[in-house]
Amino acid sequence: WVHQQMLTGRRSVLITGAIRDLRHDPDPATPVIAQLEPGVVAAISHCNPGWCEVKAGGYKGWLKRDEIWGLEPDEVIP
């Protein structure tokens, strides 16, 4: 049981595995904006089947979906 006041409407995900490259666009050929370490909690903005847009440490960019934890397998966030 968790009291409603302890919850927020903001969705978050956890960076998993190795250090991950946060990219400018959802494409592996686009520039790297920042690198995120495993265990970093990021706010999620949008998510399609392959990529998710996240915000962490003052940076905003895209990560591959398999580099994060906290979503249902087929979940899409418009």
Protein backbone atom coordinates (compact mmCIF):
# COMPACT_ATOMS: atom_id res chain seq x y z
CA TRP A 1 0.00 0.00 0.00
CA VAL A 2 1.27 3.47 -0.91
CA HIS A 3 -0.52 6.68 0.00
CA GLN A 4 -1.62 8.68 -3.05
CA GLN A 5 0.35 11.75 -1.95
CA MET A 6 3.55 9.73 -2.28
CA LEU A 7 2.91 9.10 -5.99
CA THR A 8 3.57 11.34 -8.97
CA GLY A 9 2.10 11.27 -12.47
CA ARG A 10 5.58 11.44 -14.01
CA ARG A 11 6.88 8.22 -15.58
CA SER A 12 10.45 7.18 -14.92
CA VAL A 13 12.76 4.44 -16.16
CA LEU A 14 16.04 2.98 -14.95
CA ILE A 15 19.19 2.81 -17.10
CA THR A 16 20.43 -0.80 -17.25
CA GLY A 17 23.55 -2.66 -18.33
CA ALA A 18 26.60 -0.59 -19.33
CA ILE A 19 27.08 3.15 -19.85
CA ARG A 20 24.48 4.21 -22.44
CA ASP A 21 24.72 6.85 -25.16
CA LEU A 22 21.93 9.42 -25.06
CA ARG A 23 21.36 10.44 -28.68
CA HIS A 24 19.95 13.58 -30.31
CA ASP A 25 17.44 11.62 -32.42
CA PRO A 26 16.15 8.02 -32.39
CA ASP A 27 18.87 6.86 -34.77
CA PRO A 28 22.25 5.27 -33.90
CA ALA A 29 23.98 7.55 -36.44
CA THR A 30 22.98 10.81 -34.69
CA PRO A 31 25.31 12.63 -32.27
CA VAL A 32 25.70 11.53 -28.66
CA ILE A 33 24.45 14.22 -26.25
CA ALA A 34 25.50 12.54 -23.00
CA GLN A 35 26.37 9.19 -21.50
CA LEU A 36 24.21 7.74 -18.74
CA GLU A 37 25.49 5.26 -16.18
CA PRO A 38 23.59 2.17 -15.07
CA GLY A 39 21.24 2.95 -12.19
CA VAL A 40 20.40 6.47 -13.35
CA VAL A 41 16.67 7.23 -13.10
CA ALA A 42 15.36 9.16 -16.11
CA ALA A 43 11.99 10.79 -16.77
CA ILE A 44 10.38 9.41 -19.91
CA SER A 45 8.69 11.71 -22.45
CA HIS A 46 7.87 9.52 -25.46
CA CYS A 47 8.40 5.91 -26.40
CA ASN A 48 7.94 4.00 -29.64
CA PRO A 49 8.67 0.29 -30.25
CA GLY A 50 12.43 0.86 -30.68
CA TRP A 51 13.40 4.10 -28.90
CA CYS A 52 12.41 6.23 -25.91
CA GLU A 53 12.93 9.95 -25.34
CA VAL A 54 14.15 10.61 -21.80
CA LYS A 55 15.40 13.44 -19.59
CA ALA A 56 18.20 12.93 -17.07
CA GLY A 57 20.81 15.16 -15.47
CA GLY A 58 19.68 18.21 -17.43
CA TYR A 59 19.94 16.38 -20.78
CA LYS A 60 17.16 15.30 -23.12
CA GLY A 61 17.59 12.69 -25.82
CA TRP A 62 16.84 9.20 -27.08
CA LEU A 63 17.85 5.76 -25.80
CA LYS A 64 17.24 2.35 -27.32
CA ARG A 65 14.35 0.68 -25.60
CA ASP A 66 16.41 -2.34 -24.55
CA GLU A 67 18.79 -0.05 -22.58
CA ILE A 68 16.16 0.86 -19.98
CA TRP A 69 13.88 -0.88 -17.49
CA GLY A 70 10.43 0.24 -16.41
CA LEU A 71 8.12 -0.26 -19.40
CA GLU A 72 5.76 -2.99 -20.45
CA PRO A 73 7.16 -4.96 -23.45
CA ASP A 74 4.87 -3.38 -26.08
CA GLU A 75 4.09 -0.11 -24.30
CA VAL A 76 4.01 3.03 -26.45
CA ILE A 77 3.99 6.50 -24.92
CA PRO A 78 2.79 9.11 -27.43
